[in-house]
Amino acid sequence: MNQTLLTAVQYYGAGAGVIAALVVSLDIGRRPTEWAFVLFVTSSIALIVWGFFQQDSEGIGWQNTVLLVINCAGVYRYLIRKKAPA
């Protein structure tokens, strides 16, 4: 894969993860949190791609594989289930 594209994917993944974490930590409402989890999913996918295509970065790929599962649970909880927890 092209090194420039890998660099772009890496920085997108890092930036998207930071923004999503900020939105979740601010606790500014259910709707922003829903979309922060979607952003977390895209961040994890980007970092999985980067981790497995960049030499010596498989650890980040595996970490984000696990985080992708966790983030998908957040998407399910906030976007698909549609009911607020008791």
N, C-alpha and C. Protein backbone atom coordinates (compact mmCIF):
# COMPACT_ATOMS: atom_id res chain seq x y z
N MET A 1 0.85 -1.18 0.00
CA MET A 1 0.00 0.00 0.00
C MET A 1 0.89 1.24 0.00
N ASN A 2 0.46 2.27 -0.66
CA ASN A 2 1.18 3.54 -0.78
C ASN A 2 1.46 4.14 0.61
N GLN A 3 2.69 4.56 0.84
CA GLN A 3 3.07 5.12 2.14
C GLN A 3 2.30 6.39 2.48
N THR A 4 2.01 7.23 1.48
CA THR A 4 1.24 8.45 1.73
C THR A 4 -0.17 8.12 2.19
N LEU A 5 -0.78 7.12 1.56
CA LEU A 5 -2.12 6.69 1.96
C LEU A 5 -2.10 6.10 3.36
N LEU A 6 -1.08 5.31 3.67
CA LEU A 6 -0.96 4.74 5.02
C LEU A 6 -0.82 5.84 6.07
N THR A 7 -0.06 6.86 5.76
CA THR A 7 0.11 7.98 6.70
C THR A 7 -1.22 8.70 6.91
N ALA A 8 -1.97 8.92 5.83
CA ALA A 8 -3.27 9.58 5.94
C ALA A 8 -4.23 8.75 6.79
N VAL A 9 -4.24 7.43 6.57
CA VAL A 9 -5.10 6.54 7.35
C VAL A 9 -4.71 6.57 8.82
N GLN A 10 -3.42 6.57 9.08
CA GLN A 10 -2.93 6.60 10.47
C GLN A 10 -3.40 7.87 11.17
N TYR A 11 -3.22 9.01 10.54
CA TYR A 11 -3.60 10.27 11.19
C TYR A 11 -5.10 10.43 11.28
N TYR A 12 -5.85 9.92 10.30
CA TYR A 12 -7.31 9.95 10.42
C TYR A 12 -7.74 9.13 11.63
N GLY A 13 -7.20 7.92 11.74
CA GLY A 13 -7.57 7.05 12.86
C GLY A 13 -7.27 7.67 14.21
N ALA A 14 -6.10 8.28 14.32
CA ALA A 14 -5.73 8.92 15.58
C ALA A 14 -6.63 10.12 15.87
N GLY A 15 -6.82 10.97 14.87
CA GLY A 15 -7.64 12.17 15.07
C GLY A 15 -9.09 11.85 15.36
N ALA A 16 -9.66 10.91 14.62
CA ALA A 16 -11.06 10.52 14.84
C ALA A 16 -11.23 9.93 16.23
N GLY A 17 -10.27 9.13 16.67
CA GLY A 17 -10.34 8.56 18.02
C GLY A 17 -10.31 9.61 19.11
N VAL A 18 -9.47 10.62 18.93
CA VAL A 18 -9.37 11.71 19.91
C VAL A 18 -10.68 12.51 19.96
N ILE A 19 -11.22 12.84 18.80
CA ILE A 19 -12.47 13.61 18.76
C ILE A 19 -13.61 12.81 19.38
N ALA A 20 -13.70 11.52 19.04
CA ALA A 20 -14.76 10.68 19.61
C ALA A 20 -14.62 10.58 21.12
N ALA A 21 -13.41 10.39 21.61
CA ALA A 21 -13.20 10.31 23.06
C ALA A 21 -13.58 11.61 23.75
N LEU A 22 -13.26 12.74 23.12
CA LEU A 22 -13.63 14.04 23.69
C LEU A 22 -15.14 14.18 23.78
N VAL A 23 -15.84 13.83 22.73
CA VAL A 23 -17.31 13.95 22.73
C VAL A 23 -17.93 13.05 23.80
N VAL A 24 -17.47 11.81 23.91
CA VAL A 24 -18.00 10.91 24.93
C VAL A 24 -17.69 11.45 26.33
N SER A 25 -16.48 11.95 26.54
CA SER A 25 -16.09 12.43 27.87
C SER A 25 -16.85 13.69 28.28
N LEU A 26 -17.27 14.50 27.32
CA LEU A 26 -18.01 15.72 27.65
C LEU A 26 -19.45 15.43 28.10
N ASP A 27 -19.95 14.25 27.77
CA ASP A 27 -21.30 13.84 28.17
C ASP A 27 -22.33 14.93 27.83
N ILE A 28 -22.35 15.33 26.56
CA ILE A 28 -23.23 16.43 26.13
C ILE A 28 -24.55 15.94 25.56
N GLY A 29 -24.85 14.69 25.78
CA GLY A 29 -26.14 14.17 25.36
C GLY A 29 -26.02 12.86 24.62
N ARG A 30 -27.15 12.20 24.53
CA ARG A 30 -27.19 10.88 23.91
C ARG A 30 -26.87 10.93 22.42
N ARG A 31 -27.42 11.90 21.69
CA ARG A 31 -27.22 11.97 20.24
C ARG A 31 -25.74 12.17 19.87
N PRO A 32 -25.04 13.13 20.49
CA PRO A 32 -23.62 13.26 20.18
C PRO A 32 -22.81 11.99 20.53
N THR A 33 -23.19 11.33 21.62
CA THR A 33 -22.50 10.10 22.01
C THR A 33 -22.73 9.00 20.99
N GLU A 34 -23.95 8.92 20.44
CA GLU A 34 -24.24 7.94 19.39
C GLU A 34 -23.26 8.09 18.24
N TRP A 35 -23.10 9.32 17.77
CA TRP A 35 -22.25 9.56 16.61
C TRP A 35 -20.78 9.48 16.96
N ALA A 36 -20.44 9.71 18.22
CA ALA A 36 -19.05 9.52 18.64
C ALA A 36 -18.67 8.05 18.53
N PHE A 37 -19.59 7.14 18.86
CA PHE A 37 -19.30 5.72 18.72
C PHE A 37 -19.14 5.33 17.25
N VAL A 38 -19.91 5.94 16.37
CA VAL A 38 -19.73 5.69 14.94
C VAL A 38 -18.33 6.16 14.52
N LEU A 39 -17.93 7.32 15.02
CA LEU A 39 -16.59 7.84 14.73
C LEU A 39 -15.52 6.90 15.29
N PHE A 40 -15.75 6.36 16.49
CA PHE A 40 -14.83 5.37 17.06
C PHE A 40 -14.68 4.16 16.14
N VAL A 41 -15.80 3.71 15.55
CA VAL A 41 -15.75 2.56 14.65
C VAL A 41 -14.88 2.87 13.44
N THR A 42 -15.07 4.06 12.84
CA THR A 42 -14.25 4.41 11.67
C THR A 42 -12.79 4.55 12.05
N SER A 43 -12.54 5.07 13.25
CA SER A 43 -11.17 5.19 13.74
C SER A 43 -10.52 3.81 13.89
N SER A 44 -11.25 2.87 14.47
CA SER A 44 -10.72 1.52 14.65
C SER A 44 -10.44 0.86 13.31
N ILE A 45 -11.34 1.02 12.36
CA ILE A 45 -11.12 0.43 11.04
C ILE A 45 -9.87 1.01 10.39
N ALA A 46 -9.72 2.33 10.48
CA ALA A 46 -8.54 2.97 9.90
C ALA A 46 -7.26 2.46 10.56
N LEU A 47 -7.27 2.32 11.87
CA LEU A 47 -6.06 1.89 12.56
C LEU A 47 -5.80 0.39 12.39
N ILE A 48 -6.85 -0.39 12.14
CA ILE A 48 -6.65 -1.80 11.79
C ILE A 48 -5.92 -1.89 10.46
N VAL A 49 -6.42 -1.14 9.49
CA VAL A 49 -5.78 -1.13 8.16
C VAL A 49 -4.32 -0.68 8.29
N TRP A 50 -4.11 0.42 8.98
CA TRP A 50 -2.75 0.93 9.13
C TRP A 50 -1.87 -0.09 9.86
N GLY A 51 -2.38 -0.65 10.95
CA GLY A 51 -1.58 -1.56 11.77
C GLY A 51 -1.12 -2.80 11.02
N PHE A 52 -1.98 -3.33 10.16
CA PHE A 52 -1.60 -4.55 9.46
C PHE A 52 -0.85 -4.30 8.16
N PHE A 53 -0.92 -3.10 7.63
CA PHE A 53 -0.17 -2.79 6.40
C PHE A 53 1.16 -2.09 6.67
N GLN A 54 1.30 -1.48 7.84
CA GLN A 54 2.54 -0.80 8.21
C GLN A 54 3.46 -1.81 8.88
N GLN A 55 4.69 -1.85 8.48
CA GLN A 55 5.65 -2.79 9.04
C GLN A 55 5.82 -2.58 10.54
N ASP A 56 5.85 -3.66 11.29
CA ASP A 56 6.07 -3.65 12.75
C ASP A 56 4.98 -2.91 13.52
N SER A 57 3.75 -2.90 13.04
CA SER A 57 2.66 -2.21 13.74
C SER A 57 1.47 -3.12 13.99
N GLU A 58 1.69 -4.42 13.96
CA GLU A 58 0.59 -5.36 14.13
C GLU A 58 -0.11 -5.21 15.49
N GLY A 59 0.62 -4.76 16.49
CA GLY A 59 0.02 -4.58 17.82
C GLY A 59 -1.13 -3.58 17.79
N ILE A 60 -0.94 -2.50 17.06
CA ILE A 60 -2.01 -1.51 16.92
C ILE A 60 -3.18 -2.12 16.15
N GLY A 61 -2.87 -2.93 15.15
CA GLY A 61 -3.93 -3.61 14.40
C GLY A 61 -4.76 -4.52 15.29
N TRP A 62 -4.09 -5.33 16.10
CA TRP A 62 -4.82 -6.23 17.00
C TRP A 62 -5.58 -5.47 18.08
N GLN A 63 -4.96 -4.43 18.64
CA GLN A 63 -5.64 -3.63 19.66
C GLN A 63 -6.92 -3.04 19.10
N ASN A 64 -6.86 -2.52 17.90
CA ASN A 64 -8.04 -1.89 17.31
C ASN A 64 -9.05 -2.90 16.80
N THR A 65 -8.64 -4.13 16.58
CA THR A 65 -9.61 -5.18 16.28
C THR A 65 -10.50 -5.40 17.50
N VAL A 66 -9.90 -5.46 18.68
CA VAL A 66 -10.68 -5.61 19.92
C VAL A 66 -11.51 -4.34 20.16
N LEU A 67 -10.91 -3.17 19.97
CA LEU A 67 -11.65 -1.93 20.17
C LEU A 67 -12.81 -1.80 19.19
N LEU A 68 -12.67 -2.35 17.99
CA LEU A 68 -13.77 -2.32 17.02
C LEU A 68 -14.97 -3.08 17.57
N VAL A 69 -14.74 -4.22 18.19
CA VAL A 69 -15.84 -4.99 18.79
C VAL A 69 -16.49 -4.18 19.90
N ILE A 70 -15.69 -3.57 20.75
CA ILE A 70 -16.22 -2.75 21.85
C ILE A 70 -17.00 -1.57 21.29
N ASN A 71 -16.47 -0.90 20.27
CA ASN A 71 -17.14 0.26 19.68
C ASN A 71 -18.43 -0.14 18.98
N CYS A 72 -18.45 -1.31 18.37
CA CYS A 72 -19.70 -1.79 17.75
C CYS A 72 -20.76 -2.04 18.83
N ALA A 73 -20.34 -2.48 20.01
CA ALA A 73 -21.29 -2.62 21.12
C ALA A 73 -21.86 -1.25 21.50
N GLY A 74 -21.03 -0.21 21.47
CA GLY A 74 -21.52 1.14 21.74
C GLY A 74 -22.48 1.62 20.68
N VAL A 75 -22.19 1.32 19.42
CA VAL A 75 -23.11 1.69 18.33
C VAL A 75 -24.43 0.97 18.53
N TYR A 76 -24.38 -0.31 18.85
CA TYR A 76 -25.62 -1.05 19.10
C TYR A 76 -26.39 -0.43 20.26
N ARG A 77 -25.70 -0.15 21.33
CA ARG A 77 -26.36 0.37 22.53
C ARG A 77 -27.00 1.73 22.29
N TYR A 78 -26.32 2.60 21.57
CA TYR A 78 -26.82 3.96 21.41
C TYR A 78 -27.64 4.18 20.13
N LEU A 79 -27.35 3.47 19.05
CA LEU A 79 -28.04 3.74 17.79
C LEU A 79 -29.08 2.69 17.42
N ILE A 80 -28.82 1.44 17.71
CA ILE A 80 -29.70 0.38 17.25
C ILE A 80 -30.76 0.04 18.29
N ARG A 81 -30.34 -0.09 19.53
CA ARG A 81 -31.29 -0.48 20.58
C ARG A 81 -32.33 0.59 20.81
N LYS A 82 -31.97 1.85 20.71
CA LYS A 82 -32.86 3.01 20.75
C LYS A 82 -33.55 3.29 22.08
N LYS A 83 -33.33 2.52 23.10
CA LYS A 83 -33.93 2.86 24.38
C LYS A 83 -32.84 3.24 25.35
N ALA A 84 -33.12 4.23 26.14
CA ALA A 84 -32.16 4.66 27.14
C ALA A 84 -32.09 3.63 28.25
N PRO A 85 -30.91 3.38 28.81
CA PRO A 85 -30.81 2.42 29.92
C PRO A 85 -31.54 2.94 31.14
N ALA A 86 -32.04 2.01 31.92
CA ALA A 86 -32.82 2.38 33.12
C ALA A 86 -31.97 3.02 34.18
